[in-house]
Amino acid sequence: MSEPAKPAPEPPNSSRPSARDSRLRYLAIPFLAVVFAEILVGNQLALAGGPYPVGYLAAHVALSILLIAFGAYLVIIAHGLHRALPSILSWLAFVSVVIATISGTVFLVGGGAQGALYGMEGFGGLALLVSILLIVWGSVPVPAGRALAA
């Protein structure tokens, strides 16, 4: 008896679409929304001026803490993808929200230092930009033989 014929392997440039891991892309969408909300609350604080309304200030701090936790989660997800670009972008998002938070703390405690204000605004804007880039480039091909985790 002869063995059944094995199917021929597909050529690398096959027309079959490759599987993609899009978790990072889908997580970057709510991250972008939270960054945008953080910027809007910060703008309301700037318009209100000092003394700052406690509700806006509490929301600003809570959103900042949420962004740090969310940014750390993005780094963990990107680390599992084993791709340089998503990893760099997720680290940049995380570091930018951490530095923006530190700058905001210095601004609040330091009596409104302009350098801290610029740091907070600049790194908040960087987080906004990087979250958009994560949406654009956050989906990566899955290596052959690796199943997508649900």
C-alpha atoms as a PDB file:
ATOM      1  CA  MET A   1       0.000   0.000   0.000  1.00  0.00           C
ATOM      2  CA  SER A   2       1.156   3.460  -0.731  1.00  0.00           C
ATOM      3  CA  GLU A   3       0.787   6.423   1.560  1.00  0.00           C
ATOM      4  CA  PRO A   4      -1.661   9.199   0.661  1.00  0.00           C
ATOM      5  CA  ALA A   5      -0.073  12.116  -1.090  1.00  0.00           C
ATOM      6  CA  LYS A   6       0.716  15.086   1.103  1.00  0.00           C
ATOM      7  CA  PRO A   7      -0.607  18.464  -0.067  1.00  0.00           C
ATOM      8  CA  ALA A   8       2.021  20.668  -1.619  1.00  0.00           C
ATOM      9  CA  PRO A   9       3.068  23.620   0.520  1.00  0.00           C
ATOM     10  CA  GLU A  10       1.706  26.963  -0.614  1.00  0.00           C
ATOM     11  CA  PRO A  11       4.148  29.347  -2.188  1.00  0.00           C
ATOM     12  CA  PRO A  12       5.111  32.376  -0.072  1.00  0.00           C
ATOM     13  CA  ASN A  13       3.330  34.833  -2.369  1.00  0.00           C
ATOM     14  CA  SER A  14       0.026  33.030  -2.139  1.00  0.00           C
ATOM     15  CA  SER A  15      -3.177  34.937  -2.828  1.00  0.00           C
ATOM     16  CA  ARG A  16      -4.629  33.620   0.443  1.00  0.00           C
ATOM     17  CA  PRO A  17      -4.808  36.418   3.035  1.00  0.00           C
ATOM     18  CA  SER A  18      -2.499  35.939   5.978  1.00  0.00           C
ATOM     19  CA  ALA A  19      -3.790  35.965   9.523  1.00  0.00           C
ATOM     20  CA  ARG A  20      -3.235  39.154  11.456  1.00  0.00           C
ATOM     21  CA  ASP A  21      -3.157  39.931  15.159  1.00  0.00           C
ATOM     22  CA  SER A  22      -5.082  43.182  15.552  1.00  0.00           C
ATOM     23  CA  ARG A  23      -5.448  43.322  19.338  1.00  0.00           C
ATOM     24  CA  LEU A  24      -3.084  46.266  19.653  1.00  0.00           C
ATOM     25  CA  ARG A  25      -4.933  48.194  16.956  1.00  0.00           C
ATOM     26  CA  TYR A  26      -8.290  47.629  18.637  1.00  0.00           C
ATOM     27  CA  LEU A  27      -6.935  48.578  22.062  1.00  0.00           C
ATOM     28  CA  ALA A  28      -5.413  51.778  20.664  1.00  0.00           C
ATOM     29  CA  ILE A  29      -8.879  53.076  19.754  1.00  0.00           C
ATOM     30  CA  PRO A  30     -10.108  53.414  23.372  1.00  0.00           C
ATOM     31  CA  PHE A  31      -6.623  54.628  24.347  1.00  0.00           C
ATOM     32  CA  LEU A  32      -7.026  57.438  21.800  1.00  0.00           C
ATOM     33  CA  ALA A  33     -10.472  58.229  23.199  1.00  0.00           C
ATOM     34  CA  VAL A  34      -9.127  58.469  26.759  1.00  0.00           C
ATOM     35  CA  VAL A  35      -6.187  60.649  25.646  1.00  0.00           C
ATOM     36  CA  PHE A  36      -8.641  62.918  23.838  1.00  0.00           C
ATOM     37  CA  ALA A  37     -10.884  63.088  26.931  1.00  0.00           C
ATOM     38  CA  GLU A  38      -7.824  63.894  29.065  1.00  0.00           C
ATOM     39  CA  ILE A  39      -6.896  66.750  26.733  1.00  0.00           C
ATOM     40  CA  LEU A  40     -10.458  68.107  26.804  1.00  0.00           C
ATOM     41  CA  VAL A  41     -10.589  68.035  30.602  1.00  0.00           C
ATOM     42  CA  GLY A  42      -7.187  69.732  30.721  1.00  0.00           C
ATOM     43  CA  ASN A  43      -8.469  72.459  28.415  1.00  0.00           C
ATOM     44  CA  GLN A  44     -11.452  73.000  30.714  1.00  0.00           C
ATOM     45  CA  LEU A  45      -9.075  73.320  33.652  1.00  0.00           C
ATOM     46  CA  ALA A  46      -7.045  75.904  31.731  1.00  0.00           C
ATOM     47  CA  LEU A  47     -10.185  77.882  30.930  1.00  0.00           C
ATOM     48  CA  ALA A  48     -11.393  77.748  34.539  1.00  0.00           C
ATOM     49  CA  GLY A  49      -8.049  78.927  35.901  1.00  0.00           C
ATOM     50  CA  GLY A  50      -6.994  78.754  39.514  1.00  0.00           C
ATOM     51  CA  PRO A  51      -8.254  77.795  41.954  1.00  0.00           C
ATOM     52  CA  TYR A  52      -9.060  74.736  39.902  1.00  0.00           C
ATOM     53  CA  PRO A  53     -12.525  73.158  40.218  1.00  0.00           C
ATOM     54  CA  VAL A  54     -12.189  69.966  42.232  1.00  0.00           C
ATOM     55  CA  GLY A  55     -14.379  67.929  39.873  1.00  0.00           C
ATOM     56  CA  TYR A  56     -12.327  68.751  36.794  1.00  0.00           C
ATOM     57  CA  LEU A  57      -9.081  68.217  38.675  1.00  0.00           C
ATOM     58  CA  ALA A  58     -10.234  64.840  40.022  1.00  0.00           C
ATOM     59  CA  ALA A  59     -11.311  63.759  36.520  1.00  0.00           C
ATOM     60  CA  HIS A  60      -7.960  64.895  35.099  1.00  0.00           C
ATOM     61  CA  VAL A  61      -6.029  62.894  37.705  1.00  0.00           C
ATOM     62  CA  ALA A  62      -8.251  59.805  37.307  1.00  0.00           C
ATOM     63  CA  LEU A  63      -7.886  59.849  33.516  1.00  0.00           C
ATOM     64  CA  SER A  64      -4.135  60.231  33.887  1.00  0.00           C
ATOM     65  CA  ILE A  65      -3.906  57.179  36.138  1.00  0.00           C
ATOM     66  CA  LEU A  66      -6.120  55.241  33.726  1.00  0.00           C
ATOM     67  CA  LEU A  67      -3.840  56.207  30.823  1.00  0.00           C
ATOM     68  CA  ILE A  68      -0.745  55.002  32.653  1.00  0.00           C
ATOM     69  CA  ALA A  69      -2.359  51.628  33.364  1.00  0.00           C
ATOM     70  CA  PHE A  70      -3.708  51.394  29.804  1.00  0.00           C
ATOM     71  CA  GLY A  71      -0.303  52.339  28.370  1.00  0.00           C
ATOM     72  CA  ALA A  72       1.377  49.607  30.408  1.00  0.00           C
ATOM     73  CA  TYR A  73      -1.163  47.107  29.063  1.00  0.00           C
ATOM     74  CA  LEU A  74      -0.398  48.216  25.497  1.00  0.00           C
ATOM     75  CA  VAL A  75       3.305  47.559  26.159  1.00  0.00           C
ATOM     76  CA  ILE A  76       2.510  44.053  27.419  1.00  0.00           C
ATOM     77  CA  ILE A  77       0.367  43.272  24.366  1.00  0.00           C
ATOM     78  CA  ALA A  78       3.002  44.689  21.970  1.00  0.00           C
ATOM     79  CA  HIS A  79       5.750  42.683  23.676  1.00  0.00           C
ATOM     80  CA  GLY A  80       3.873  39.486  22.824  1.00  0.00           C
ATOM     81  CA  LEU A  81       3.711  40.431  19.141  1.00  0.00           C
ATOM     82  CA  HIS A  82       7.503  40.295  18.758  1.00  0.00           C
ATOM     83  CA  ARG A  83       7.546  43.164  16.260  1.00  0.00           C
ATOM     84  CA  ALA A  84       9.698  46.260  16.567  1.00  0.00           C
ATOM     85  CA  LEU A  85       7.335  48.994  15.359  1.00  0.00           C
ATOM     86  CA  PRO A  86       4.323  48.159  17.564  1.00  0.00           C
ATOM     87  CA  SER A  87       6.654  47.690  20.518  1.00  0.00           C
ATOM     88  CA  ILE A  88       8.357  51.048  19.998  1.00  0.00           C
ATOM     89  CA  LEU A  89       5.032  52.842  19.525  1.00  0.00           C
ATOM     90  CA  SER A  90       3.485  51.275  22.626  1.00  0.00           C
ATOM     91  CA  TRP A  91       6.530  52.178  24.718  1.00  0.00           C
ATOM     92  CA  LEU A  92       6.389  55.710  23.348  1.00  0.00           C
ATOM     93  CA  ALA A  93       2.695  55.953  24.279  1.00  0.00           C
ATOM     94  CA  PHE A  94       3.390  54.670  27.790  1.00  0.00           C
ATOM     95  CA  VAL A  95       6.401  56.893  28.416  1.00  0.00           C
ATOM     96  CA  SER A  96       4.623  59.968  27.049  1.00  0.00           C
ATOM     97  CA  VAL A  97       1.645  59.568  29.409  1.00  0.00           C
ATOM     98  CA  VAL A  98       3.975  58.958  32.350  1.00  0.00           C
ATOM     99  CA  ILE A  99       6.017  62.087  31.577  1.00  0.00           C
ATOM    100  CA  ALA A 100       2.835  64.108  30.976  1.00  0.00           C
ATOM    101  CA  THR A 101       1.541  62.953  34.371  1.00  0.00           C
ATOM    102  CA  ILE A 102       4.801  63.840  36.101  1.00  0.00           C
ATOM    103  CA  SER A 103       4.786  67.236  34.378  1.00  0.00           C
ATOM    104  CA  GLY A 104       1.190  67.788  35.472  1.00  0.00           C
ATOM    105  CA  THR A 105       2.084  66.950  39.055  1.00  0.00           C
ATOM    106  CA  VAL A 106       5.020  69.365  38.951  1.00  0.00           C
ATOM    107  CA  PHE A 107       2.731  72.008  37.442  1.00  0.00           C
ATOM    108  CA  LEU A 108       0.136  71.574  40.183  1.00  0.00           C
ATOM    109  CA  VAL A 109       2.561  71.357  43.095  1.00  0.00           C
ATOM    110  CA  GLY A 110       5.064  73.851  41.695  1.00  0.00           C
ATOM    111  CA  GLY A 111       2.618  76.708  41.399  1.00  0.00           C
ATOM    112  CA  GLY A 112       2.049  76.661  37.640  1.00  0.00           C
ATOM    113  CA  ALA A 113       5.590  76.437  36.259  1.00  0.00           C
ATOM    114  CA  GLN A 114       5.573  77.110  32.506  1.00  0.00           C
ATOM    115  CA  GLY A 115       8.096  74.374  31.725  1.00  0.00           C
ATOM    116  CA  ALA A 116       5.887  71.794  33.421  1.00  0.00           C
ATOM    117  CA  LEU A 117       2.866  73.105  31.529  1.00  0.00           C
ATOM    118  CA  TYR A 118       4.688  72.761  28.205  1.00  0.00           C
ATOM    119  CA  GLY A 119       5.856  69.263  29.155  1.00  0.00           C
ATOM    120  CA  MET A 120       2.331  68.225  30.069  1.00  0.00           C
ATOM    121  CA  GLU A 121       0.870  69.616  26.841  1.00  0.00           C
ATOM    122  CA  GLY A 122       3.681  68.369  24.614  1.00  0.00           C
ATOM    123  CA  PHE A 123       3.742  64.820  25.919  1.00  0.00           C
ATOM    124  CA  GLY A 124      -0.065  64.711  25.918  1.00  0.00           C
ATOM    125  CA  GLY A 125       0.033  65.674  22.246  1.00  0.00           C
ATOM    126  CA  LEU A 126       2.678  63.015  21.617  1.00  0.00           C
ATOM    127  CA  ALA A 127       0.434  60.401  23.260  1.00  0.00           C
ATOM    128  CA  LEU A 128      -2.386  61.506  20.957  1.00  0.00           C
ATOM    129  CA  LEU A 129      -0.172  61.158  17.872  1.00  0.00           C
ATOM    130  CA  VAL A 130       1.249  57.794  18.927  1.00  0.00           C
ATOM    131  CA  SER A 131      -2.210  56.395  19.647  1.00  0.00           C
ATOM    132  CA  ILE A 132      -3.218  57.280  16.076  1.00  0.00           C
ATOM    133  CA  LEU A 133      -0.066  55.569  14.778  1.00  0.00           C
ATOM    134  CA  LEU A 134      -0.893  52.481  16.845  1.00  0.00           C
ATOM    135  CA  ILE A 135      -4.294  52.348  15.183  1.00  0.00           C
ATOM    136  CA  VAL A 136      -2.671  52.600  11.763  1.00  0.00           C
ATOM    137  CA  TRP A 137       0.241  50.185  12.315  1.00  0.00           C
ATOM    138  CA  GLY A 138      -0.945  48.104  15.274  1.00  0.00           C
ATOM    139  CA  SER A 139      -2.008  45.068  13.264  1.00  0.00           C
ATOM    140  CA  VAL A 140       0.795  42.616  12.543  1.00  0.00           C
ATOM    141  CA  PRO A 141       0.992  39.346  10.596  1.00  0.00           C
ATOM    142  CA  VAL A 142       0.889  36.214  12.700  1.00  0.00           C
ATOM    143  CA  PRO A 143       3.943  33.995  12.171  1.00  0.00           C
ATOM    144  CA  ALA A 144       3.229  30.635  10.529  1.00  0.00           C
ATOM    145  CA  GLY A 145       2.325  27.968  13.026  1.00  0.00           C
ATOM    146  CA  ARG A 146       1.148  30.351  15.739  1.00  0.00           C
ATOM    147  CA  ALA A 147      -2.558  30.405  16.462  1.00  0.00           C
ATOM    148  CA  LEU A 148      -4.309  33.648  17.332  1.00  0.00           C
ATOM    149  CA  ALA A 149      -5.092  33.966  21.001  1.00  0.00           C
ATOM    150  CA  ALA A 150      -8.705  34.835  21.587  1.00  0.00           C
END
